Amino acid sequence: MADNLLRSELNQLERKLILLLNDFKKKDSELEVLKAENYKLKEVLEEKNRQIEGFQNKDKISKIVNGMVVDERDTEALGNLLNEYIIEVDKCIAQLSE
């Protein structure tokens, strides 16, 4: 009788252990998925921050151009020239990022 009771308890413990191991494997794989998602989201955030920084630089340059005291034609030419420089700098940054 005692032998049967011990076997029964051992079987219950074995079933519980199997359930716990399965649960652990499931949680471990979920963790890996979440880590990968977190990494991707950090990359997206960094890219967005770079874009914001670029927009802020463009805004500062725009303010500088608008604040200069020159005649209408010179302001437009200077603005166009600065925009071309900004585009070139953005291209360089994009190439360096790759």
N, C-alpha and C. Protein backbone atom coordinates (compact mmCIF):
# COMPACT_ATOMS: atom_id res chain seq x y z
N MET A 1 0.83 -1.20 0.00
CA MET A 1 0.00 0.00 0.00
C MET A 1 0.87 1.25 0.00
N ALA A 2 1.86 1.29 0.87
CA ALA A 2 2.75 2.45 0.95
C ALA A 2 3.53 2.62 -0.36
N ASP A 3 3.85 1.48 -0.99
CA ASP A 3 4.59 1.51 -2.25
C ASP A 3 3.75 2.17 -3.34
N ASN A 4 2.46 1.85 -3.39
CA ASN A 4 1.56 2.45 -4.37
C ASN A 4 1.39 3.96 -4.14
N LEU A 5 1.32 4.33 -2.88
CA LEU A 5 1.18 5.74 -2.52
C LEU A 5 2.41 6.53 -2.96
N LEU A 6 3.59 5.97 -2.73
CA LEU A 6 4.82 6.63 -3.15
C LEU A 6 4.90 6.75 -4.67
N ARG A 7 4.51 5.71 -5.37
CA ARG A 7 4.52 5.76 -6.85
C ARG A 7 3.53 6.81 -7.37
N SER A 8 2.39 6.87 -6.75
CA SER A 8 1.38 7.86 -7.13
C SER A 8 1.92 9.28 -6.92
N GLU A 9 2.51 9.52 -5.79
CA GLU A 9 3.08 10.84 -5.51
C GLU A 9 4.22 11.16 -6.46
N LEU A 10 5.03 10.17 -6.76
CA LEU A 10 6.13 10.35 -7.70
C LEU A 10 5.61 10.70 -9.10
N ASN A 11 4.55 10.02 -9.51
CA ASN A 11 3.93 10.31 -10.81
C ASN A 11 3.36 11.73 -10.85
N GLN A 12 2.74 12.15 -9.77
CA GLN A 12 2.21 13.51 -9.70
C GLN A 12 3.33 14.53 -9.79
N LEU A 13 4.42 14.28 -9.07
CA LEU A 13 5.57 15.19 -9.11
C LEU A 13 6.17 15.24 -10.52
N GLU A 14 6.23 14.08 -11.16
CA GLU A 14 6.76 14.03 -12.52
C GLU A 14 5.88 14.83 -13.48
N ARG A 15 4.56 14.70 -13.37
CA ARG A 15 3.65 15.47 -14.21
C ARG A 15 3.80 16.97 -13.97
N LYS A 16 3.90 17.34 -12.70
CA LYS A 16 4.08 18.76 -12.37
C LYS A 16 5.40 19.30 -12.92
N LEU A 17 6.44 18.50 -12.84
CA LEU A 17 7.74 18.90 -13.37
C LEU A 17 7.67 19.09 -14.88
N ILE A 18 7.01 18.19 -15.57
CA ILE A 18 6.86 18.30 -17.03
C ILE A 18 6.09 19.58 -17.38
N LEU A 19 5.01 19.84 -16.65
CA LEU A 19 4.25 21.06 -16.89
C LEU A 19 5.10 22.31 -16.66
N LEU A 20 5.87 22.30 -15.59
CA LEU A 20 6.74 23.45 -15.30
C LEU A 20 7.80 23.63 -16.37
N LEU A 21 8.37 22.55 -16.84
CA LEU A 21 9.39 22.63 -17.90
C LEU A 21 8.79 23.16 -19.20
N ASN A 22 7.60 22.70 -19.53
CA ASN A 22 6.92 23.20 -20.74
C ASN A 22 6.61 24.69 -20.62
N ASP A 23 6.14 25.07 -19.44
CA ASP A 23 5.85 26.48 -19.20
C ASP A 23 7.12 27.32 -19.30
N PHE A 24 8.22 26.80 -18.76
CA PHE A 24 9.50 27.51 -18.83
C PHE A 24 9.94 27.69 -20.28
N LYS A 25 9.84 26.63 -21.08
CA LYS A 25 10.23 26.71 -22.50
C LYS A 25 9.38 27.74 -23.24
N LYS A 26 8.09 27.75 -22.95
CA LYS A 26 7.18 28.71 -23.59
C LYS A 26 7.56 30.14 -23.20
N LYS A 27 7.80 30.37 -21.93
CA LYS A 27 8.18 31.71 -21.46
C LYS A 27 9.53 32.14 -22.02
N ASP A 28 10.45 31.17 -22.14
CA ASP A 28 11.77 31.48 -22.68
C ASP A 28 11.68 31.90 -24.15
N SER A 29 10.85 31.20 -24.93
CA SER A 29 10.70 31.59 -26.34
C SER A 29 9.98 32.93 -26.46
N GLU A 30 9.00 33.18 -25.59
CA GLU A 30 8.33 34.49 -25.59
C GLU A 30 9.33 35.60 -25.27
N LEU A 31 10.23 35.33 -24.34
CA LEU A 31 11.25 36.31 -23.98
C LEU A 31 12.14 36.63 -25.17
N GLU A 32 12.53 35.63 -25.93
CA GLU A 32 13.38 35.84 -27.10
C GLU A 32 12.67 36.69 -28.15
N VAL A 33 11.38 36.43 -28.35
CA VAL A 33 10.59 37.22 -29.30
C VAL A 33 10.53 38.67 -28.84
N LEU A 34 10.30 38.88 -27.56
CA LEU A 34 10.21 40.23 -27.01
C LEU A 34 11.55 40.96 -27.08
N LYS A 35 12.64 40.23 -26.87
CA LYS A 35 13.96 40.84 -26.99
C LYS A 35 14.21 41.31 -28.43
N ALA A 36 13.84 40.48 -29.40
CA ALA A 36 14.01 40.84 -30.80
C ALA A 36 13.16 42.06 -31.15
N GLU A 37 11.93 42.08 -30.68
CA GLU A 37 11.05 43.22 -30.92
C GLU A 37 11.61 44.48 -30.28
N ASN A 38 12.12 44.35 -29.07
CA ASN A 38 12.71 45.49 -28.36
C ASN A 38 13.89 46.05 -29.14
N TYR A 39 14.74 45.17 -29.67
CA TYR A 39 15.90 45.59 -30.45
C TYR A 39 15.47 46.36 -31.70
N LYS A 40 14.45 45.83 -32.39
CA LYS A 40 13.95 46.51 -33.59
C LYS A 40 13.37 47.88 -33.25
N LEU A 41 12.63 47.95 -32.15
CA LEU A 41 12.03 49.23 -31.75
C LEU A 41 13.10 50.25 -31.36
N LYS A 42 14.18 49.79 -30.75
CA LYS A 42 15.28 50.69 -30.42
C LYS A 42 15.92 51.24 -31.69
N GLU A 43 16.07 50.40 -32.70
CA GLU A 43 16.63 50.85 -33.97
C GLU A 43 15.73 51.90 -34.62
N VAL A 44 14.42 51.65 -34.59
CA VAL A 44 13.46 52.61 -35.16
C VAL A 44 13.54 53.93 -34.40
N LEU A 45 13.62 53.85 -33.08
CA LEU A 45 13.71 55.05 -32.26
C LEU A 45 14.97 55.85 -32.58
N GLU A 46 16.09 55.17 -32.74
CA GLU A 46 17.34 55.85 -33.08
C GLU A 46 17.22 56.54 -34.44
N GLU A 47 16.60 55.87 -35.41
CA GLU A 47 16.42 56.46 -36.73
C GLU A 47 15.53 57.70 -36.65
N LYS A 48 14.46 57.61 -35.89
CA LYS A 48 13.56 58.76 -35.72
C LYS A 48 14.29 59.91 -35.04
N ASN A 49 15.13 59.61 -34.06
CA ASN A 49 15.90 60.67 -33.39
C ASN A 49 16.87 61.33 -34.36
N ARG A 50 17.49 60.53 -35.25
CA ARG A 50 18.38 61.11 -36.26
C ARG A 50 17.61 62.02 -37.21
N GLN A 51 16.41 61.58 -37.59
CA GLN A 51 15.59 62.40 -38.47
C GLN A 51 15.21 63.71 -37.79
N ILE A 52 14.83 63.62 -36.53
CA ILE A 52 14.45 64.83 -35.79
C ILE A 52 15.64 65.79 -35.71
N GLU A 53 16.82 65.23 -35.43
CA GLU A 53 18.02 66.06 -35.36
C GLU A 53 18.28 66.74 -36.71
N GLY A 54 18.09 66.01 -37.79
CA GLY A 54 18.26 66.59 -39.12
C GLY A 54 17.27 67.72 -39.37
N PHE A 55 16.01 67.51 -38.97
CA PHE A 55 15.00 68.55 -39.13
C PHE A 55 15.34 69.78 -38.28
N GLN A 56 15.85 69.54 -37.08
CA GLN A 56 16.22 70.66 -36.23
C GLN A 56 17.36 71.45 -36.85
N ASN A 57 18.33 70.75 -37.45
CA ASN A 57 19.44 71.45 -38.10
C ASN A 57 18.94 72.26 -39.29
N LYS A 58 18.02 71.68 -40.06
CA LYS A 58 17.45 72.41 -41.19
C LYS A 58 16.71 73.66 -40.70
N ASP A 59 15.99 73.51 -39.59
CA ASP A 59 15.24 74.64 -39.04
C ASP A 59 16.19 75.74 -38.57
N LYS A 60 17.30 75.36 -37.93
CA LYS A 60 18.28 76.36 -37.48
C LYS A 60 18.88 77.10 -38.67
N ILE A 61 19.23 76.36 -39.70
CA ILE A 61 19.81 76.99 -40.90
C ILE A 61 18.79 77.91 -41.55
N SER A 62 17.54 77.48 -41.58
CA SER A 62 16.47 78.30 -42.14
C SER A 62 16.34 79.61 -41.38
N LYS A 63 16.42 79.53 -40.06
CA LYS A 63 16.31 80.73 -39.23
C LYS A 63 17.50 81.66 -39.48
N ILE A 64 18.67 81.07 -39.65
CA ILE A 64 19.87 81.88 -39.93
C ILE A 64 19.70 82.60 -41.27
N VAL A 65 19.26 81.88 -42.28
CA VAL A 65 19.07 82.47 -43.62
C VAL A 65 18.03 83.57 -43.55
N ASN A 66 16.93 83.32 -42.87
CA ASN A 66 15.87 84.32 -42.79
C ASN A 66 16.30 85.54 -41.98
N GLY A 67 17.24 85.35 -41.06
CA GLY A 67 17.69 86.45 -40.22
C GLY A 67 18.74 87.33 -40.88
N MET A 68 19.33 86.89 -41.98
CA MET A 68 20.36 87.68 -42.66
C MET A 68 19.72 88.86 -43.37
N VAL A 69 20.42 89.96 -43.34
CA VAL A 69 19.92 91.16 -44.00
C VAL A 69 20.61 91.28 -45.36
N VAL A 70 19.88 90.83 -46.38
CA VAL A 70 20.35 90.94 -47.76
C VAL A 70 19.14 91.19 -48.62
N ASP A 71 19.40 91.52 -49.88
CA ASP A 71 18.24 91.79 -50.71
C ASP A 71 17.54 90.49 -51.10
N GLU A 72 16.37 90.61 -51.68
CA GLU A 72 15.48 89.47 -51.96
C GLU A 72 16.15 88.38 -52.80
N ARG A 73 16.86 88.76 -53.86
CA ARG A 73 17.49 87.77 -54.75
C ARG A 73 18.60 87.01 -54.03
N ASP A 74 19.39 87.73 -53.24
CA ASP A 74 20.48 87.08 -52.53
C ASP A 74 19.95 86.09 -51.49
N THR A 75 18.87 86.44 -50.83
CA THR A 75 18.29 85.55 -49.83
C THR A 75 17.82 84.26 -50.49
N GLU A 76 17.17 84.39 -51.61
CA GLU A 76 16.68 83.20 -52.32
C GLU A 76 17.84 82.33 -52.80
N ALA A 77 18.86 82.96 -53.35
CA ALA A 77 20.02 82.21 -53.84
C ALA A 77 20.74 81.53 -52.67
N LEU A 78 20.90 82.27 -51.58
CA LEU A 78 21.55 81.69 -50.40
C LEU A 78 20.74 80.53 -49.84
N GLY A 79 19.45 80.71 -49.80
CA GLY A 79 18.56 79.64 -49.32
C GLY A 79 18.66 78.40 -50.18
N ASN A 80 18.67 78.59 -51.49
CA ASN A 80 18.80 77.45 -52.41
C ASN A 80 20.14 76.76 -52.23
N LEU A 81 21.19 77.54 -52.09
CA LEU A 81 22.52 76.97 -51.90
C LEU A 81 22.60 76.16 -50.60
N LEU A 82 22.06 76.73 -49.54
CA LEU A 82 22.05 76.01 -48.27
C LEU A 82 21.21 74.74 -48.34
N ASN A 83 20.09 74.79 -49.04
CA ASN A 83 19.27 73.59 -49.21
C ASN A 83 20.04 72.50 -49.96
N GLU A 84 20.79 72.90 -50.97
CA GLU A 84 21.61 71.93 -51.71
C GLU A 84 22.67 71.31 -50.79
N TYR A 85 23.29 72.16 -49.97
CA TYR A 85 24.28 71.64 -49.01
C TYR A 85 23.64 70.66 -48.03
N ILE A 86 22.47 71.01 -47.56
CA ILE A 86 21.76 70.14 -46.62
C ILE A 86 21.45 68.80 -47.26
N ILE A 87 21.00 68.82 -48.49
CA ILE A 87 20.70 67.57 -49.20
C ILE A 87 21.95 66.72 -49.34
N GLU A 88 23.08 67.36 -49.69
CA GLU A 88 24.33 66.62 -49.83
C GLU A 88 24.79 66.05 -48.48
N VAL A 89 24.68 66.84 -47.44
CA VAL A 89 25.06 66.36 -46.11
C VAL A 89 24.17 65.19 -45.69
N ASP A 90 22.87 65.28 -45.97
CA ASP A 90 21.95 64.18 -45.65
C ASP A 90 22.33 62.91 -46.40
N LYS A 91 22.73 63.07 -47.66
CA LYS A 91 23.16 61.90 -48.45
C LYS A 91 24.40 61.27 -47.83
N CYS A 92 25.34 62.11 -47.42
CA CYS A 92 26.57 61.61 -46.79
C CYS A 92 26.25 60.87 -45.50
N ILE A 93 25.37 61.45 -44.69
CA ILE A 93 24.98 60.81 -43.43
C ILE A 93 24.32 59.46 -43.71
N ALA A 94 23.45 59.42 -44.72
CA ALA A 94 22.77 58.16 -45.06
C ALA A 94 23.78 57.09 -45.48
N GLN A 95 24.78 57.50 -46.27
CA GLN A 95 25.80 56.54 -46.69
C GLN A 95 26.64 56.06 -45.51
N LEU A 96 26.95 56.96 -44.60
CA LEU A 96 27.74 56.58 -43.42
C LEU A 96 26.93 55.66 -42.50
N SER A 97 25.63 55.83 -42.49
CA SER A 97 24.77 55.01 -41.63
C SER A 97 24.69 53.57 -42.12
N GLU A 98 24.89 53.39 -43.43
CA GLU A 98 24.81 52.03 -43.99
C GLU A 98 26.05 51.33 -43.67
